[in-house]
PDB file of N, CA and C in Angstrom:
ATOM      1  N   MET A   1     -10.540   4.220  13.558  1.00  0.00           N
ATOM      2  CA  MET A   1      -9.432   4.608  12.456  1.00  0.00           C
ATOM      3  C   MET A   1      -8.363   3.772  12.159  1.00  0.00           C
ATOM      4  N   CYS A   2      -8.345   4.213  10.729  1.00  0.00           N
ATOM      5  CA  CYS A   2      -7.255   3.517  10.863  1.00  0.00           C
ATOM      6  C   CYS A   2      -5.827   4.300  10.444  1.00  0.00           C
ATOM      7  N   GLN A   3      -5.212   4.045  10.727  1.00  0.00           N
ATOM      8  CA  GLN A   3      -3.626   4.923  10.339  1.00  0.00           C
ATOM      9  C   GLN A   3      -3.414   4.305   8.858  1.00  0.00           C
ATOM     10  N   GLN A   4      -2.996   6.443   7.796  1.00  0.00           N
ATOM     11  CA  GLN A   4      -3.322   6.021   6.691  1.00  0.00           C
ATOM     12  C   GLN A   4      -1.784   6.247   6.832  1.00  0.00           C
ATOM     13  N   LEU A   5      -0.870   5.257   6.085  1.00  0.00           N
ATOM     14  CA  LEU A   5       0.549   5.781   4.723  1.00  0.00           C
ATOM     15  C   LEU A   5       1.015   5.776   4.063  1.00  0.00           C
ATOM     16  N   PRO A   6       1.122   7.227   3.375  1.00  0.00           N
ATOM     17  CA  PRO A   6       1.254   6.698   1.785  1.00  0.00           C
ATOM     18  C   PRO A   6       2.266   6.806   1.037  1.00  0.00           C
ATOM     19  N   ILE A   7       2.862   5.075   1.907  1.00  0.00           N
ATOM     20  CA  ILE A   7       4.216   4.222   0.887  1.00  0.00           C
ATOM     21  C   ILE A   7       3.298   3.620   0.054  1.00  0.00           C
ATOM     22  N   ASP A   8       4.253   2.793  -1.057  1.00  0.00           N
ATOM     23  CA  ASP A   8       3.529   2.110  -1.695  1.00  0.00           C
ATOM     24  C   ASP A   8       4.735   1.024  -1.916  1.00  0.00           C
ATOM     25  N   ARG A   9       5.504   1.289  -1.464  1.00  0.00           N
ATOM     26  CA  ARG A   9       6.935   0.804  -1.259  1.00  0.00           C
ATOM     27  C   ARG A   9       7.687   0.600  -0.001  1.00  0.00           C
ATOM     28  N   ILE A  10       8.324  -0.650  -0.057  1.00  0.00           N
ATOM     29  CA  ILE A  10       9.192  -0.295   1.372  1.00  0.00           C
ATOM     30  C   ILE A  10      10.293  -1.164   0.775  1.00  0.00           C
ATOM     31  N   ALA A  11      11.427  -0.152   1.890  1.00  0.00           N
ATOM     32  CA  ALA A  11      12.779  -0.373   2.062  1.00  0.00           C
ATOM     33  C   ALA A  11      13.614  -1.255   2.793  1.00  0.00           C
ATOM     34  N   VAL A  12      14.388  -2.289   2.104  1.00  0.00           N
ATOM     35  CA  VAL A  12      15.109  -3.060   2.924  1.00  0.00           C
ATOM     36  C   VAL A  12      16.548  -3.098   2.882  1.00  0.00           C
ATOM     37  N   LEU A  13      17.855  -3.103   4.192  1.00  0.00           N
ATOM     38  CA  LEU A  13      18.645  -3.291   3.702  1.00  0.00           C
ATOM     39  C   LEU A  13      19.402  -4.192   3.547  1.00  0.00           C
ATOM     40  N   SER A  14      20.326  -4.688   2.541  1.00  0.00           N
ATOM     41  CA  SER A  14      20.718  -5.837   1.948  1.00  0.00           C
ATOM     42  C   SER A  14      21.282  -6.134   2.884  1.00  0.00           C
ATOM     43  N   MET A  15      21.628  -7.922   3.262  1.00  0.00           N
ATOM     44  CA  MET A  15      22.699  -8.168   3.519  1.00  0.00           C
ATOM     45  C   MET A  15      23.150  -9.052   2.880  1.00  0.00           C
ATOM     46  N   TYR A  16      23.415  -8.994   1.134  1.00  0.00           N
ATOM     47  CA  TYR A  16      24.015  -9.819   0.488  1.00  0.00           C
ATOM     48  C   TYR A  16      25.232  -8.834   0.214  1.00  0.00           C
ATOM     49  N   GLU A  17      26.185  -8.978  -0.996  1.00  0.00           N
ATOM     50  CA  GLU A  17      27.008  -8.474  -1.574  1.00  0.00           C
ATOM     51  C   GLU A  17      26.574  -7.205  -2.260  1.00  0.00           C
ATOM     52  N   VAL A  18      25.331  -6.832  -2.458  1.00  0.00           N
ATOM     53  CA  VAL A  18      24.581  -5.645  -3.220  1.00  0.00           C
ATOM     54  C   VAL A  18      24.754  -4.203  -1.910  1.00  0.00           C
ATOM     55  N   GLU A  19      25.561  -3.775  -2.073  1.00  0.00           N
ATOM     56  CA  GLU A  19      25.253  -2.403  -1.088  1.00  0.00           C
ATOM     57  C   GLU A  19      23.779  -1.359  -1.560  1.00  0.00           C
ATOM     58  N   GLY A  20      23.801  -1.318  -0.358  1.00  0.00           N
ATOM     59  CA  GLY A  20      22.541  -0.318  -0.685  1.00  0.00           C
ATOM     60  C   GLY A  20      20.999  -0.476   0.050  1.00  0.00           C
ATOM     61  N   ILE A  21      20.256   0.383  -0.709  1.00  0.00           N
ATOM     62  CA  ILE A  21      18.440  -0.082  -0.274  1.00  0.00           C
ATOM     63  C   ILE A  21      18.274  -0.249  -2.073  1.00  0.00           C
ATOM     64  N   THR A  22      17.459  -1.735  -1.499  1.00  0.00           N
ATOM     65  CA  THR A  22      16.490  -2.365  -2.652  1.00  0.00           C
ATOM     66  C   THR A  22      15.282  -2.094  -1.629  1.00  0.00           C
ATOM     67  N   SER A  23      14.634  -1.733  -2.917  1.00  0.00           N
ATOM     68  CA  SER A  23      12.681  -1.243  -2.763  1.00  0.00           C
ATOM     69  C   SER A  23      12.432  -2.585  -3.315  1.00  0.00           C
ATOM     70  N   MET A  24      11.043  -2.523  -2.321  1.00  0.00           N
ATOM     71  CA  MET A  24      10.323  -4.065  -3.628  1.00  0.00           C
ATOM     72  C   MET A  24       8.653  -3.356  -3.133  1.00  0.00           C
ATOM     73  N   PRO A  25       8.244  -4.001  -4.076  1.00  0.00           N
ATOM     74  CA  PRO A  25       6.719  -3.958  -4.342  1.00  0.00           C
ATOM     75  C   PRO A  25       5.928  -4.476  -2.868  1.00  0.00           C
ATOM     76  N   VAL A  26       5.013  -4.083  -2.920  1.00  0.00           N
ATOM     77  CA  VAL A  26       3.896  -4.306  -1.624  1.00  0.00           C
ATOM     78  C   VAL A  26       3.012  -4.683  -2.367  1.00  0.00           C
ATOM     79  N   PRO A  27       2.252  -5.641  -1.739  1.00  0.00           N
ATOM     80  CA  PRO A  27       0.557  -6.078  -2.458  1.00  0.00           C
ATOM     81  C   PRO A  27      -0.262  -5.316  -2.285  1.00  0.00           C
ATOM     82  N   SER A  28      -0.732  -5.240  -2.844  1.00  0.00           N
ATOM     83  CA  SER A  28      -1.946  -3.954  -2.572  1.00  0.00           C
ATOM     84  C   SER A  28      -3.267  -4.450  -3.298  1.00  0.00           C
ATOM     85  N   ARG A  29      -4.489  -4.316  -3.099  1.00  0.00           N
ATOM     86  CA  ARG A  29      -5.887  -4.210  -3.697  1.00  0.00           C
ATOM     87  C   ARG A  29      -6.259  -2.766  -4.242  1.00  0.00           C
ATOM     88  N   ARG A  30      -7.454  -2.806  -4.281  1.00  0.00           N
ATOM     89  CA  ARG A  30      -8.023  -2.028  -5.232  1.00  0.00           C
ATOM     90  C   ARG A  30      -9.115  -1.794  -4.121  1.00  0.00           C
ATOM     91  N   CYS A  31      -9.477  -0.485  -3.558  1.00  0.00           N
ATOM     92  CA  CYS A  31     -10.704  -0.184  -2.807  1.00  0.00           C
ATOM     93  C   CYS A  31     -11.547  -0.534  -3.126  1.00  0.00           C
ATOM     94  N   PRO A  32     -12.655  -0.974  -2.832  1.00  0.00           N
ATOM     95  CA  PRO A  32     -13.627  -1.399  -3.543  1.00  0.00           C
ATOM     96  C   PRO A  32     -14.958  -0.543  -3.667  1.00  0.00           C
ATOM     97  N   ALA A  33     -14.870   0.487  -2.393  1.00  0.00           N
ATOM     98  CA  ALA A  33     -15.743   1.525  -2.694  1.00  0.00           C
ATOM     99  C   ALA A  33     -15.136   3.133  -3.102  1.00  0.00           C
ATOM    100  N   CYS A  34     -14.230   2.570  -3.756  1.00  0.00           N
ATOM    101  CA  CYS A  34     -13.445   3.761  -4.782  1.00  0.00           C
ATOM    102  C   CYS A  34     -14.260   3.240  -5.824  1.00  0.00           C
ATOM    103  N   LEU A  35     -14.180   2.301  -5.973  1.00  0.00           N
ATOM    104  CA  LEU A  35     -14.166   1.360  -7.232  1.00  0.00           C
ATOM    105  C   LEU A  35     -15.457   1.556  -7.519  1.00  0.00           C
ATOM    106  N   GLU A  36     -16.451   1.569  -6.878  1.00  0.00           N
ATOM    107  CA  GLU A  36     -18.046   1.883  -7.355  1.00  0.00           C
ATOM    108  C   GLU A  36     -17.578   3.370  -8.022  1.00  0.00           C
ATOM    109  N   ARG A  37     -17.360   4.452  -7.321  1.00  0.00           N
ATOM    110  CA  ARG A  37     -17.278   5.072  -7.778  1.00  0.00           C
ATOM    111  C   ARG A  37     -16.604   5.663  -8.987  1.00  0.00           C
ATOM    112  N   GLY A  38     -15.825   4.806  -9.385  1.00  0.00           N
ATOM    113  CA  GLY A  38     -14.981   5.023 -10.492  1.00  0.00           C
ATOM    114  C   GLY A  38     -13.412   5.375 -10.622  1.00  0.00           C
ATOM    115  N   GLN A  39     -13.416   5.500  -9.096  1.00  0.00           N
ATOM    116  CA  GLN A  39     -11.863   5.815  -8.934  1.00  0.00           C
ATOM    117  C   GLN A  39     -11.302   4.686  -8.844  1.00  0.00           C
ATOM    118  N   THR A  40      -9.720   4.291  -8.891  1.00  0.00           N
ATOM    119  CA  THR A  40      -8.828   3.209  -8.502  1.00  0.00           C
ATOM    120  C   THR A  40      -8.316   3.840  -7.242  1.00  0.00           C
ATOM    121  N   VAL A  41      -7.855   3.369  -6.257  1.00  0.00           N
ATOM    122  CA  VAL A  41      -7.172   3.474  -5.118  1.00  0.00           C
ATOM    123  C   VAL A  41      -6.912   2.424  -4.331  1.00  0.00           C
ATOM    124  N   TRP A  42      -5.117   2.244  -5.098  1.00  0.00           N
ATOM    125  CA  TRP A  42      -4.629   0.670  -4.363  1.00  0.00           C
ATOM    126  C   TRP A  42      -4.574   1.182  -2.708  1.00  0.00           C
ATOM    127  N   VAL A  43      -4.569  -0.345  -2.301  1.00  0.00           N
ATOM    128  CA  VAL A  43      -4.434  -0.560  -0.581  1.00  0.00           C
ATOM    129  C   VAL A  43      -3.720  -1.427   0.079  1.00  0.00           C
ATOM    130  N   ILE A  44      -2.903  -1.214   1.128  1.00  0.00           N
ATOM    131  CA  ILE A  44      -2.023  -2.467   1.213  1.00  0.00           C
ATOM    132  C   ILE A  44      -3.531  -3.312   2.308  1.00  0.00           C
ATOM    133  N   PRO A  45      -3.264  -4.518   2.000  1.00  0.00           N
ATOM    134  CA  PRO A  45      -4.148  -5.319   2.856  1.00  0.00           C
ATOM    135  C   PRO A  45      -4.297  -5.206   4.131  1.00  0.00           C
ATOM    136  N   GLY A  46      -5.322  -5.038   5.104  1.00  0.00           N
ATOM    137  CA  GLY A  46      -5.310  -4.620   6.141  1.00  0.00           C
ATOM    138  C   GLY A  46      -5.282  -3.051   6.732  1.00  0.00           C
ATOM    139  N   LYS A  47      -5.115  -2.380   5.794  1.00  0.00           N
ATOM    140  CA  LYS A  47      -4.878  -0.677   5.979  1.00  0.00           C
ATOM    141  C   LYS A  47      -6.756  -0.465   5.707  1.00  0.00           C
ATOM    142  N   CYS A  48      -6.438   1.329   5.740  1.00  0.00           N
ATOM    143  CA  CYS A  48      -7.689   1.602   5.648  1.00  0.00           C
ATOM    144  C   CYS A  48      -7.298   2.856   3.820  1.00  0.00           C
ATOM    145  N   CYS A  49      -7.990   2.347   2.772  1.00  0.00           N
ATOM    146  CA  CYS A  49      -7.931   3.670   2.327  1.00  0.00           C
ATOM    147  C   CYS A  49      -8.024   4.784   1.866  1.00  0.00           C
ATOM    148  N   PRO A  50      -7.223   5.366   1.347  1.00  0.00           N
ATOM    149  CA  PRO A  50      -6.568   6.951   2.054  1.00  0.00           C
ATOM    150  C   PRO A  50      -7.630   7.956   1.649  1.00  0.00           C
ATOM    151  N   GLU A  51      -8.453   7.370   0.402  1.00  0.00           N
ATOM    152  CA  GLU A  51      -9.521   9.078   0.128  1.00  0.00           C
ATOM    153  C   GLU A  51     -10.926   8.374   0.888  1.00  0.00           C
ATOM    154  N   CYS A  52     -11.166   7.062   1.228  1.00  0.00           N
ATOM    155  CA  CYS A  52     -12.575   7.020   1.409  1.00  0.00           C
ATOM    156  C   CYS A  52     -12.366   6.616   3.073  1.00  0.00           C
ATOM    157  N   GLY A  53     -11.258   5.535   3.569  1.00  0.00           N
ATOM    158  CA  GLY A  53     -11.471   5.451   5.335  1.00  0.00           C
ATOM    159  C   GLY A  53     -11.748   4.001   4.637  1.00  0.00           C
ATOM    160  N   THR A  54     -12.443   3.416   3.990  1.00  0.00           N
ATOM    161  CA  THR A  54     -12.645   2.028   3.478  1.00  0.00           C
ATOM    162  C   THR A  54     -12.538   0.717   4.061  1.00  0.00           C
ATOM    163  N   PRO A  55     -11.814   0.240   5.525  1.00  0.00           N
ATOM    164  CA  PRO A  55     -10.922  -0.879   5.981  1.00  0.00           C
ATOM    165  C   PRO A  55     -10.875  -2.108   4.594  1.00  0.00           C
ATOM    166  N   VAL A  56      -9.998  -2.048   4.120  1.00  0.00           N
ATOM    167  CA  VAL A  56      -9.106  -3.187   2.768  1.00  0.00           C
ATOM    168  C   VAL A  56      -8.885  -4.628   3.472  1.00  0.00           C
ATOM    169  N   ASN A  57      -9.537  -5.750   2.919  1.00  0.00           N
ATOM    170  CA  ASN A  57      -8.930  -7.010   3.870  1.00  0.00           C
ATOM    171  C   ASN A  57      -8.426  -7.251   2.492  1.00  0.00           C
TER     172      ASN A  57
END
């Protein structure tokens, strides 16, 4: 079973002049099984869909 993580962004500590934490978008894909049912669920490639558990590559 895939581990489900409810994150859509990751935090990266800045190593440059800007202080603090920068958020960056994570590449994702729509779950094909949920898409067939008319739902749009975004999943990080290599993870399982949090709604139906389908692995998304």
